[in-house]
PDB file of N, CA and C in Angstrom:
ATOM      1  N   MET A   1       0.839  -1.323   0.060  1.00  0.00           N
ATOM      2  CA  MET A   1      -0.218   0.161  -0.122  1.00  0.00           C
ATOM      3  C   MET A   1       0.864   1.079   0.220  1.00  0.00           C
ATOM      4  N   VAL A   2       0.403   2.357  -0.531  1.00  0.00           N
ATOM      5  CA  VAL A   2       1.165   3.432  -0.470  1.00  0.00           C
ATOM      6  C   VAL A   2       0.095   4.503   0.166  1.00  0.00           C
ATOM      7  N   ARG A   3       0.802   5.339   1.224  1.00  0.00           N
ATOM      8  CA  ARG A   3       0.248   6.511   1.653  1.00  0.00           C
ATOM      9  C   ARG A   3       0.811   7.844   0.757  1.00  0.00           C
ATOM     10  N   HIS A   4      -0.197   8.455   1.014  1.00  0.00           N
ATOM     11  CA  HIS A   4      -0.262   9.868  -0.324  1.00  0.00           C
ATOM     12  C   HIS A   4      -0.475  10.899   0.544  1.00  0.00           C
ATOM     13  N   ILE A   5       0.056  11.664   1.267  1.00  0.00           N
ATOM     14  CA  ILE A   5      -0.250  12.863   2.152  1.00  0.00           C
ATOM     15  C   ILE A   5      -0.147  14.377   1.407  1.00  0.00           C
ATOM     16  N   VAL A   6      -0.627  15.192   1.455  1.00  0.00           N
ATOM     17  CA  VAL A   6      -0.692  16.441   0.782  1.00  0.00           C
ATOM     18  C   VAL A   6      -1.172  17.463   1.486  1.00  0.00           C
ATOM     19  N   ALA A   7      -0.204  18.820   1.833  1.00  0.00           N
ATOM     20  CA  ALA A   7      -0.662  19.496   2.620  1.00  0.00           C
ATOM     21  C   ALA A   7      -0.691  21.172   2.058  1.00  0.00           C
ATOM     22  N   TRP A   8      -1.352  21.943   2.299  1.00  0.00           N
ATOM     23  CA  TRP A   8      -1.517  23.094   1.840  1.00  0.00           C
ATOM     24  C   TRP A   8      -1.877  24.538   2.545  1.00  0.00           C
ATOM     25  N   ASN A   9      -1.475  25.647   2.133  1.00  0.00           N
ATOM     26  CA  ASN A   9      -1.969  26.846   3.087  1.00  0.00           C
ATOM     27  C   ASN A   9      -3.002  27.337   2.082  1.00  0.00           C
ATOM     28  N   TYR A  10      -4.042  28.163   2.954  1.00  0.00           N
ATOM     29  CA  TYR A  10      -4.827  29.089   2.131  1.00  0.00           C
ATOM     30  C   TYR A  10      -3.682  30.030   0.748  1.00  0.00           C
ATOM     31  N   LYS A  11      -4.480  30.565   0.079  1.00  0.00           N
ATOM     32  CA  LYS A  11      -3.930  31.241  -1.015  1.00  0.00           C
ATOM     33  C   LYS A  11      -4.074  32.589  -0.282  1.00  0.00           C
ATOM     34  N   ASP A  12      -3.229  33.409  -0.291  1.00  0.00           N
ATOM     35  CA  ASP A  12      -3.439  34.954  -0.261  1.00  0.00           C
ATOM     36  C   ASP A  12      -4.742  35.418  -1.003  1.00  0.00           C
ATOM     37  N   GLY A  13      -5.373  36.663  -0.126  1.00  0.00           N
ATOM     38  CA  GLY A  13      -6.259  37.568  -1.072  1.00  0.00           C
ATOM     39  C   GLY A  13      -7.856  36.772  -0.779  1.00  0.00           C
ATOM     40  N   PHE A  14      -8.077  35.876  -0.072  1.00  0.00           N
ATOM     41  CA  PHE A  14      -9.493  35.536   0.615  1.00  0.00           C
ATOM     42  C   PHE A  14      -9.618  35.819   1.841  1.00  0.00           C
ATOM     43  N   SER A  15     -10.779  35.980   2.774  1.00  0.00           N
ATOM     44  CA  SER A  15     -10.869  36.386   4.000  1.00  0.00           C
ATOM     45  C   SER A  15     -11.282  34.962   4.607  1.00  0.00           C
ATOM     46  N   ASP A  16     -11.219  35.141   5.856  1.00  0.00           N
ATOM     47  CA  ASP A  16     -11.568  33.816   7.038  1.00  0.00           C
ATOM     48  C   ASP A  16     -12.709  33.226   6.709  1.00  0.00           C
ATOM     49  N   ASN A  17     -13.769  33.748   5.947  1.00  0.00           N
ATOM     50  CA  ASN A  17     -14.841  33.140   5.801  1.00  0.00           C
ATOM     51  C   ASN A  17     -14.997  32.438   3.939  1.00  0.00           C
ATOM     52  N   GLU A  18     -14.271  32.944   3.236  1.00  0.00           N
ATOM     53  CA  GLU A  18     -13.650  32.769   2.099  1.00  0.00           C
ATOM     54  C   GLU A  18     -12.880  31.025   2.576  1.00  0.00           C
ATOM     55  N   ASN A  19     -11.972  31.314   3.056  1.00  0.00           N
ATOM     56  CA  ASN A  19     -11.054  30.419   2.980  1.00  0.00           C
ATOM     57  C   ASN A  19     -11.878  29.364   3.776  1.00  0.00           C
ATOM     58  N   LYS A  20     -12.882  29.473   4.729  1.00  0.00           N
ATOM     59  CA  LYS A  20     -13.362  27.888   5.122  1.00  0.00           C
ATOM     60  C   LYS A  20     -14.418  27.408   4.286  1.00  0.00           C
ATOM     61  N   GLU A  21     -15.072  28.584   2.991  1.00  0.00           N
ATOM     62  CA  GLU A  21     -15.818  28.078   2.414  1.00  0.00           C
ATOM     63  C   GLU A  21     -14.691  27.070   1.469  1.00  0.00           C
ATOM     64  N   ASN A  22     -13.841  27.407   1.151  1.00  0.00           N
ATOM     65  CA  ASN A  22     -12.954  27.257   0.108  1.00  0.00           C
ATOM     66  C   ASN A  22     -12.141  25.911   0.357  1.00  0.00           C
ATOM     67  N   ALA A  23     -12.081  25.172   1.797  1.00  0.00           N
ATOM     68  CA  ALA A  23     -11.220  24.626   2.479  1.00  0.00           C
ATOM     69  C   ALA A  23     -12.414  23.157   2.603  1.00  0.00           C
ATOM     70  N   GLN A  24     -13.821  23.643   2.949  1.00  0.00           N
ATOM     71  CA  GLN A  24     -15.186  23.037   2.773  1.00  0.00           C
ATOM     72  C   GLN A  24     -14.993  22.275   1.349  1.00  0.00           C
ATOM     73  N   LYS A  25     -15.274  22.802   0.226  1.00  0.00           N
ATOM     74  CA  LYS A  25     -15.593  22.443  -1.035  1.00  0.00           C
ATOM     75  C   LYS A  25     -13.990  21.225  -1.714  1.00  0.00           C
ATOM     76  N   VAL A  26     -12.892  22.010  -1.074  1.00  0.00           N
ATOM     77  CA  VAL A  26     -11.371  21.108  -1.147  1.00  0.00           C
ATOM     78  C   VAL A  26     -12.086  19.894  -0.643  1.00  0.00           C
ATOM     79  N   LYS A  27     -12.355  19.736   0.801  1.00  0.00           N
ATOM     80  CA  LYS A  27     -12.507  18.502   1.018  1.00  0.00           C
ATOM     81  C   LYS A  27     -13.824  17.469   0.644  1.00  0.00           C
ATOM     82  N   SER A  28     -14.736  18.033   0.490  1.00  0.00           N
ATOM     83  CA  SER A  28     -15.996  17.398  -0.150  1.00  0.00           C
ATOM     84  C   SER A  28     -15.729  17.238  -1.933  1.00  0.00           C
ATOM     85  N   GLU A  29     -14.708  17.964  -2.476  1.00  0.00           N
ATOM     86  CA  GLU A  29     -14.533  17.540  -3.682  1.00  0.00           C
ATOM     87  C   GLU A  29     -13.461  16.474  -3.995  1.00  0.00           C
ATOM     88  N   LEU A  30     -12.338  16.030  -3.042  1.00  0.00           N
ATOM     89  CA  LEU A  30     -11.464  15.257  -2.888  1.00  0.00           C
ATOM     90  C   LEU A  30     -12.043  13.870  -2.307  1.00  0.00           C
ATOM     91  N   GLU A  31     -12.792  14.277  -1.337  1.00  0.00           N
ATOM     92  CA  GLU A  31     -13.201  12.966  -0.644  1.00  0.00           C
ATOM     93  C   GLU A  31     -14.332  12.258  -1.765  1.00  0.00           C
ATOM     94  N   ALA A  32     -14.945  13.034  -2.505  1.00  0.00           N
ATOM     95  CA  ALA A  32     -15.969  12.134  -3.586  1.00  0.00           C
ATOM     96  C   ALA A  32     -15.173  11.687  -4.606  1.00  0.00           C
ATOM     97  N   LEU A  33     -13.958  11.514  -4.552  1.00  0.00           N
ATOM     98  CA  LEU A  33     -13.141  10.916  -5.500  1.00  0.00           C
ATOM     99  C   LEU A  33     -13.158   9.559  -5.763  1.00  0.00           C
ATOM    100  N   THR A  34     -13.334   9.094  -3.842  1.00  0.00           N
ATOM    101  CA  THR A  34     -13.427   7.982  -3.618  1.00  0.00           C
ATOM    102  C   THR A  34     -14.612   7.320  -4.315  1.00  0.00           C
ATOM    103  N   LYS A  35     -15.680   7.679  -5.029  1.00  0.00           N
ATOM    104  CA  LYS A  35     -16.341   7.161  -5.455  1.00  0.00           C
ATOM    105  C   LYS A  35     -16.219   6.753  -6.855  1.00  0.00           C
ATOM    106  N   CYS A  36     -15.452   7.232  -7.789  1.00  0.00           N
ATOM    107  CA  CYS A  36     -15.407   7.260  -8.956  1.00  0.00           C
ATOM    108  C   CYS A  36     -13.802   6.993  -9.534  1.00  0.00           C
ATOM    109  N   ILE A  37     -12.739   6.664  -8.740  1.00  0.00           N
ATOM    110  CA  ILE A  37     -11.663   6.408  -9.199  1.00  0.00           C
ATOM    111  C   ILE A  37     -11.273   5.028  -8.024  1.00  0.00           C
ATOM    112  N   ASP A  38     -11.016   3.943  -9.116  1.00  0.00           N
ATOM    113  CA  ASP A  38     -10.544   2.667  -8.295  1.00  0.00           C
ATOM    114  C   ASP A  38      -8.949   2.642  -7.871  1.00  0.00           C
ATOM    115  N   GLY A  39      -8.590   1.841  -6.435  1.00  0.00           N
ATOM    116  CA  GLY A  39      -7.483   1.550  -6.141  1.00  0.00           C
ATOM    117  C   GLY A  39      -7.026   2.791  -4.938  1.00  0.00           C
ATOM    118  N   ILE A  40      -8.449   3.540  -4.224  1.00  0.00           N
ATOM    119  CA  ILE A  40      -8.236   4.215  -3.233  1.00  0.00           C
ATOM    120  C   ILE A  40      -8.671   3.477  -2.208  1.00  0.00           C
ATOM    121  N   ILE A  41      -8.128   3.319  -1.066  1.00  0.00           N
ATOM    122  CA  ILE A  41      -8.437   2.542  -0.073  1.00  0.00           C
ATOM    123  C   ILE A  41      -9.075   3.474   0.673  1.00  0.00           C
ATOM    124  N   GLU A  42      -8.410   4.466   1.333  1.00  0.00           N
ATOM    125  CA  GLU A  42      -8.814   5.727   2.218  1.00  0.00           C
ATOM    126  C   GLU A  42      -8.510   7.273   1.431  1.00  0.00           C
ATOM    127  N   LEU A  43      -9.543   7.966   1.813  1.00  0.00           N
ATOM    128  CA  LEU A  43      -8.919   9.493   1.604  1.00  0.00           C
ATOM    129  C   LEU A  43      -9.712  10.477   2.451  1.00  0.00           C
ATOM    130  N   LYS A  44      -9.045  10.944   3.087  1.00  0.00           N
ATOM    131  CA  LYS A  44      -9.647  11.705   4.122  1.00  0.00           C
ATOM    132  C   LYS A  44      -9.071  13.083   4.393  1.00  0.00           C
ATOM    133  N   VAL A  45      -9.699  14.473   4.092  1.00  0.00           N
ATOM    134  CA  VAL A  45      -9.394  15.516   4.100  1.00  0.00           C
ATOM    135  C   VAL A  45      -9.459  16.620   5.404  1.00  0.00           C
ATOM    136  N   HIS A  46      -8.340  16.880   6.352  1.00  0.00           N
ATOM    137  CA  HIS A  46      -8.718  17.744   7.053  1.00  0.00           C
ATOM    138  C   HIS A  46      -8.530  19.158   7.064  1.00  0.00           C
ATOM    139  N   ILE A  47      -9.475  19.586   7.412  1.00  0.00           N
ATOM    140  CA  ILE A  47      -9.830  21.238   7.511  1.00  0.00           C
ATOM    141  C   ILE A  47      -9.468  21.942   8.722  1.00  0.00           C
ATOM    142  N   ASP A  48     -10.275  21.173   9.948  1.00  0.00           N
ATOM    143  CA  ASP A  48      -9.740  21.833  11.249  1.00  0.00           C
ATOM    144  C   ASP A  48      -8.544  21.540  11.756  1.00  0.00           C
ATOM    145  N   VAL A  49      -7.221  22.161  11.255  1.00  0.00           N
ATOM    146  CA  VAL A  49      -6.322  21.846  11.739  1.00  0.00           C
ATOM    147  C   VAL A  49      -5.639  22.478  13.357  1.00  0.00           C
ATOM    148  N   LEU A  50      -5.075  22.125  14.057  1.00  0.00           N
ATOM    149  CA  LEU A  50      -4.467  23.078  15.560  1.00  0.00           C
ATOM    150  C   LEU A  50      -3.567  24.219  14.831  1.00  0.00           C
ATOM    151  N   SER A  51      -3.981  25.440  15.635  1.00  0.00           N
ATOM    152  CA  SER A  51      -3.294  26.607  15.453  1.00  0.00           C
ATOM    153  C   SER A  51      -1.943  26.062  15.237  1.00  0.00           C
ATOM    154  N   SER A  52      -1.280  25.255  16.100  1.00  0.00           N
ATOM    155  CA  SER A  52       0.235  24.794  16.061  1.00  0.00           C
ATOM    156  C   SER A  52       0.735  24.301  14.572  1.00  0.00           C
ATOM    157  N   SER A  53      -0.184  23.999  13.839  1.00  0.00           N
ATOM    158  CA  SER A  53      -0.019  23.678  12.278  1.00  0.00           C
ATOM    159  C   SER A  53       0.762  24.733  11.300  1.00  0.00           C
ATOM    160  N   SER A  54       1.367  24.374  10.662  1.00  0.00           N
ATOM    161  CA  SER A  54       2.334  24.889   9.391  1.00  0.00           C
ATOM    162  C   SER A  54       1.275  25.035   8.286  1.00  0.00           C
ATOM    163  N   LYS A  55       0.389  24.173   8.245  1.00  0.00           N
ATOM    164  CA  LYS A  55      -0.729  23.794   6.883  1.00  0.00           C
ATOM    165  C   LYS A  55      -1.691  24.200   7.548  1.00  0.00           C
ATOM    166  N   ASP A  56      -2.937  24.636   6.508  1.00  0.00           N
ATOM    167  CA  ASP A  56      -4.251  24.763   6.343  1.00  0.00           C
ATOM    168  C   ASP A  56      -5.044  23.486   6.576  1.00  0.00           C
ATOM    169  N   VAL A  57      -4.923  22.910   5.165  1.00  0.00           N
ATOM    170  CA  VAL A  57      -5.536  21.518   4.663  1.00  0.00           C
ATOM    171  C   VAL A  57      -4.676  20.892   4.677  1.00  0.00           C
ATOM    172  N   ILE A  58      -5.218  19.549   5.174  1.00  0.00           N
ATOM    173  CA  ILE A  58      -4.237  17.990   4.952  1.00  0.00           C
ATOM    174  C   ILE A  58      -5.109  17.013   4.283  1.00  0.00           C
ATOM    175  N   LEU A  59      -4.424  16.513   2.965  1.00  0.00           N
ATOM    176  CA  LEU A  59      -5.121  15.422   2.714  1.00  0.00           C
ATOM    177  C   LEU A  59      -4.545  14.054   3.091  1.00  0.00           C
ATOM    178  N   ASN A  60      -4.984  13.051   3.503  1.00  0.00           N
ATOM    179  CA  ASN A  60      -4.263  11.924   3.911  1.00  0.00           C
ATOM    180  C   ASN A  60      -4.982  10.586   3.470  1.00  0.00           C
ATOM    181  N   SER A  61      -4.565  10.122   2.401  1.00  0.00           N
ATOM    182  CA  SER A  61      -4.623   8.739   1.365  1.00  0.00           C
ATOM    183  C   SER A  61      -4.080   7.703   1.664  1.00  0.00           C
ATOM    184  N   LEU A  62      -4.856   6.779   1.139  1.00  0.00           N
ATOM    185  CA  LEU A  62      -4.173   5.193   1.438  1.00  0.00           C
ATOM    186  C   LEU A  62      -4.673   4.597  -0.493  1.00  0.00           C
ATOM    187  N   PHE A  63      -3.145   3.872  -1.025  1.00  0.00           N
ATOM    188  CA  PHE A  63      -3.976   3.725  -2.177  1.00  0.00           C
ATOM    189  C   PHE A  63      -3.429   2.199  -2.066  1.00  0.00           C
ATOM    190  N   GLU A  64      -3.944   1.331  -3.047  1.00  0.00           N
ATOM    191  CA  GLU A  64      -3.674  -0.207  -3.231  1.00  0.00           C
ATOM    192  C   GLU A  64      -2.210  -0.497  -3.430  1.00  0.00           C
ATOM    193  N   SER A  65      -1.724   0.730  -4.048  1.00  0.00           N
ATOM    194  CA  SER A  65      -0.179   0.399  -4.893  1.00  0.00           C
ATOM    195  C   SER A  65       0.175   1.645  -5.675  1.00  0.00           C
ATOM    196  N   GLU A  66       1.448   1.779  -5.938  1.00  0.00           N
ATOM    197  CA  GLU A  66       1.937   2.810  -6.921  1.00  0.00           C
ATOM    198  C   GLU A  66       1.482   2.920  -7.671  1.00  0.00           C
ATOM    199  N   GLU A  67       0.990   1.917  -8.676  1.00  0.00           N
ATOM    200  CA  GLU A  67       0.182   1.975 -10.109  1.00  0.00           C
ATOM    201  C   GLU A  67      -1.503   2.519  -9.603  1.00  0.00           C
ATOM    202  N   ALA A  68      -1.823   2.439  -8.440  1.00  0.00           N
ATOM    203  CA  ALA A  68      -3.311   2.871  -8.258  1.00  0.00           C
ATOM    204  C   ALA A  68      -3.048   4.402  -8.016  1.00  0.00           C
ATOM    205  N   LEU A  69      -1.758   4.708  -7.591  1.00  0.00           N
ATOM    206  CA  LEU A  69      -1.563   6.415  -7.137  1.00  0.00           C
ATOM    207  C   LEU A  69      -1.308   7.467  -8.748  1.00  0.00           C
ATOM    208  N   SER A  70      -0.703   6.578  -8.983  1.00  0.00           N
ATOM    209  CA  SER A  70      -0.563   7.061 -10.444  1.00  0.00           C
ATOM    210  C   SER A  70      -1.506   7.271 -11.396  1.00  0.00           C
ATOM    211  N   ALA A  71      -2.276   6.179 -11.356  1.00  0.00           N
ATOM    212  CA  ALA A  71      -4.101   6.207 -12.072  1.00  0.00           C
ATOM    213  C   ALA A  71      -4.694   7.409 -11.438  1.00  0.00           C
ATOM    214  N   TYR A  72      -5.025   7.617 -10.450  1.00  0.00           N
ATOM    215  CA  TYR A  72      -5.292   8.866  -9.394  1.00  0.00           C
ATOM    216  C   TYR A  72      -4.946  10.307  -9.805  1.00  0.00           C
ATOM    217  N   GLN A  73      -4.014  10.407 -10.174  1.00  0.00           N
ATOM    218  CA  GLN A  73      -2.901  11.372 -10.055  1.00  0.00           C
ATOM    219  C   GLN A  73      -3.384  12.101 -11.646  1.00  0.00           C
ATOM    220  N   ILE A  74      -3.962  11.039 -12.742  1.00  0.00           N
ATOM    221  CA  ILE A  74      -3.826  11.412 -14.259  1.00  0.00           C
ATOM    222  C   ILE A  74      -5.516  11.347 -14.250  1.00  0.00           C
ATOM    223  N   HIS A  75      -6.286  10.398 -13.443  1.00  0.00           N
ATOM    224  CA  HIS A  75      -7.555  10.761 -13.700  1.00  0.00           C
ATOM    225  C   HIS A  75      -8.157  11.818 -13.987  1.00  0.00           C
ATOM    226  N   PRO A  76      -9.589  12.226 -15.194  1.00  0.00           N
ATOM    227  CA  PRO A  76      -9.781  13.298 -15.062  1.00  0.00           C
ATOM    228  C   PRO A  76     -10.405  13.816 -14.450  1.00  0.00           C
ATOM    229  N   GLU A  77     -11.229  13.223 -13.430  1.00  0.00           N
ATOM    230  CA  GLU A  77     -11.986  13.763 -12.170  1.00  0.00           C
ATOM    231  C   GLU A  77     -10.753  14.305 -11.247  1.00  0.00           C
ATOM    232  N   HIS A  78      -9.973  13.782 -11.061  1.00  0.00           N
ATOM    233  CA  HIS A  78      -8.586  14.275 -10.275  1.00  0.00           C
ATOM    234  C   HIS A  78      -8.291  15.678 -10.848  1.00  0.00           C
ATOM    235  N   GLN A  79      -7.957  15.627 -12.086  1.00  0.00           N
ATOM    236  CA  GLN A  79      -7.321  17.000 -12.461  1.00  0.00           C
ATOM    237  C   GLN A  79      -8.298  17.860 -12.833  1.00  0.00           C
ATOM    238  N   ARG A  80      -9.719  17.691 -12.361  1.00  0.00           N
ATOM    239  CA  ARG A  80     -10.005  18.673 -12.380  1.00  0.00           C
ATOM    240  C   ARG A  80     -10.261  19.327 -10.859  1.00  0.00           C
ATOM    241  N   VAL A  81     -10.264  18.105 -10.182  1.00  0.00           N
ATOM    242  CA  VAL A  81     -10.849  19.019  -8.712  1.00  0.00           C
ATOM    243  C   VAL A  81      -8.949  19.454  -8.199  1.00  0.00           C
ATOM    244  N   GLY A  82      -8.119  19.153  -8.845  1.00  0.00           N
ATOM    245  CA  GLY A  82      -6.829  19.588  -8.585  1.00  0.00           C
ATOM    246  C   GLY A  82      -6.580  20.833  -9.005  1.00  0.00           C
ATOM    247  N   ALA A  83      -7.321  21.752 -10.046  1.00  0.00           N
ATOM    248  CA  ALA A  83      -7.645  22.692 -10.864  1.00  0.00           C
ATOM    249  C   ALA A  83      -8.260  23.851  -9.959  1.00  0.00           C
ATOM    250  N   PHE A  84      -9.331  23.583  -9.550  1.00  0.00           N
ATOM    251  CA  PHE A  84      -9.524  24.455  -8.293  1.00  0.00           C
ATOM    252  C   PHE A  84      -8.928  24.393  -7.533  1.00  0.00           C
ATOM    253  N   VAL A  85      -8.755  23.355  -6.567  1.00  0.00           N
ATOM    254  CA  VAL A  85      -7.818  23.500  -5.527  1.00  0.00           C
ATOM    255  C   VAL A  85      -6.319  24.366  -5.727  1.00  0.00           C
ATOM    256  N   GLY A  86      -5.917  24.500  -6.981  1.00  0.00           N
ATOM    257  CA  GLY A  86      -4.984  25.444  -7.337  1.00  0.00           C
ATOM    258  C   GLY A  86      -5.101  26.846  -7.394  1.00  0.00           C
ATOM    259  N   THR A  87      -6.395  27.044  -7.367  1.00  0.00           N
ATOM    260  CA  THR A  87      -7.078  28.617  -7.312  1.00  0.00           C
ATOM    261  C   THR A  87      -7.105  29.086  -5.923  1.00  0.00           C
ATOM    262  N   VAL A  88      -7.638  28.246  -5.074  1.00  0.00           N
ATOM    263  CA  VAL A  88      -7.786  28.427  -3.525  1.00  0.00           C
ATOM    264  C   VAL A  88      -6.565  28.042  -2.596  1.00  0.00           C
ATOM    265  N   MET A  89      -5.551  27.774  -2.945  1.00  0.00           N
ATOM    266  CA  MET A  89      -4.372  26.768  -1.914  1.00  0.00           C
ATOM    267  C   MET A  89      -3.166  27.203  -2.632  1.00  0.00           C
ATOM    268  N   GLN A  90      -2.116  27.478  -1.915  1.00  0.00           N
ATOM    269  CA  GLN A  90      -0.938  27.143  -2.312  1.00  0.00           C
ATOM    270  C   GLN A  90       0.074  26.763  -1.312  1.00  0.00           C
ATOM    271  N   ASN A  91       1.659  26.289  -1.668  1.00  0.00           N
ATOM    272  CA  ASN A  91       2.490  26.127  -0.592  1.00  0.00           C
ATOM    273  C   ASN A  91       2.217  24.683  -0.653  1.00  0.00           C
ATOM    274  N   ARG A  92       2.261  24.071  -1.664  1.00  0.00           N
ATOM    275  CA  ARG A  92       1.443  22.492  -1.536  1.00  0.00           C
ATOM    276  C   ARG A  92       2.901  21.659  -1.093  1.00  0.00           C
ATOM    277  N   VAL A  93       2.616  20.892  -0.343  1.00  0.00           N
ATOM    278  CA  VAL A  93       3.452  20.154  -0.169  1.00  0.00           C
ATOM    279  C   VAL A  93       3.383  18.448   0.100  1.00  0.00           C
ATOM    280  N   CYS A  94       3.883  17.598  -0.667  1.00  0.00           N
ATOM    281  CA  CYS A  94       3.726  16.334  -0.581  1.00  0.00           C
ATOM    282  C   CYS A  94       4.582  15.151  -0.288  1.00  0.00           C
ATOM    283  N   VAL A  95       3.900  14.230   0.235  1.00  0.00           N
ATOM    284  CA  VAL A  95       4.894  12.912   1.002  1.00  0.00           C
ATOM    285  C   VAL A  95       4.238  11.824   0.544  1.00  0.00           C
ATOM    286  N   ASP A  96       5.096  11.040  -0.501  1.00  0.00           N
ATOM    287  CA  ASP A  96       4.252   9.371  -0.615  1.00  0.00           C
ATOM    288  C   ASP A  96       5.478   8.493  -0.437  1.00  0.00           C
ATOM    289  N   TYR A  97       4.651   7.437   0.372  1.00  0.00           N
ATOM    290  CA  TYR A  97       5.715   6.326   1.129  1.00  0.00           C
ATOM    291  C   TYR A  97       4.946   4.673   1.037  1.00  0.00           C
ATOM    292  N   TYR A  98       5.795   3.686   1.277  1.00  0.00           N
ATOM    293  CA  TYR A  98       4.812   2.889   1.414  1.00  0.00           C
ATOM    294  C   TYR A  98       5.015   2.212   2.664  1.00  0.00           C
ATOM    295  N   GLU A  99       3.729   1.556   2.855  1.00  0.00           N
ATOM    296  CA  GLU A  99       3.124   1.317   4.247  1.00  0.00           C
ATOM    297  C   GLU A  99       3.159  -0.202   4.606  1.00  0.00           C
TER     298      GLU A  99
END
């Protein structure tokens, strides 16, 4: 299995309310991908991080294999959601590893 963790900060220029709305949309859009992309074992987006965190939104997901992760990354629905995420989030970091 492959763990895929991604974290972002809110993009500058949005109000606190807009950031909360955008984070909720990122969460719902990403979590919905589990219904349309094979190979995802679990996928959760955390938007209520502690104030001690250096990132605002975290994706924590688990895939059946590295091939499943690769298929997810190029899937048209993931590409669509990723395009939205890029309009409201910045400073992306990613960690992938075998479990």
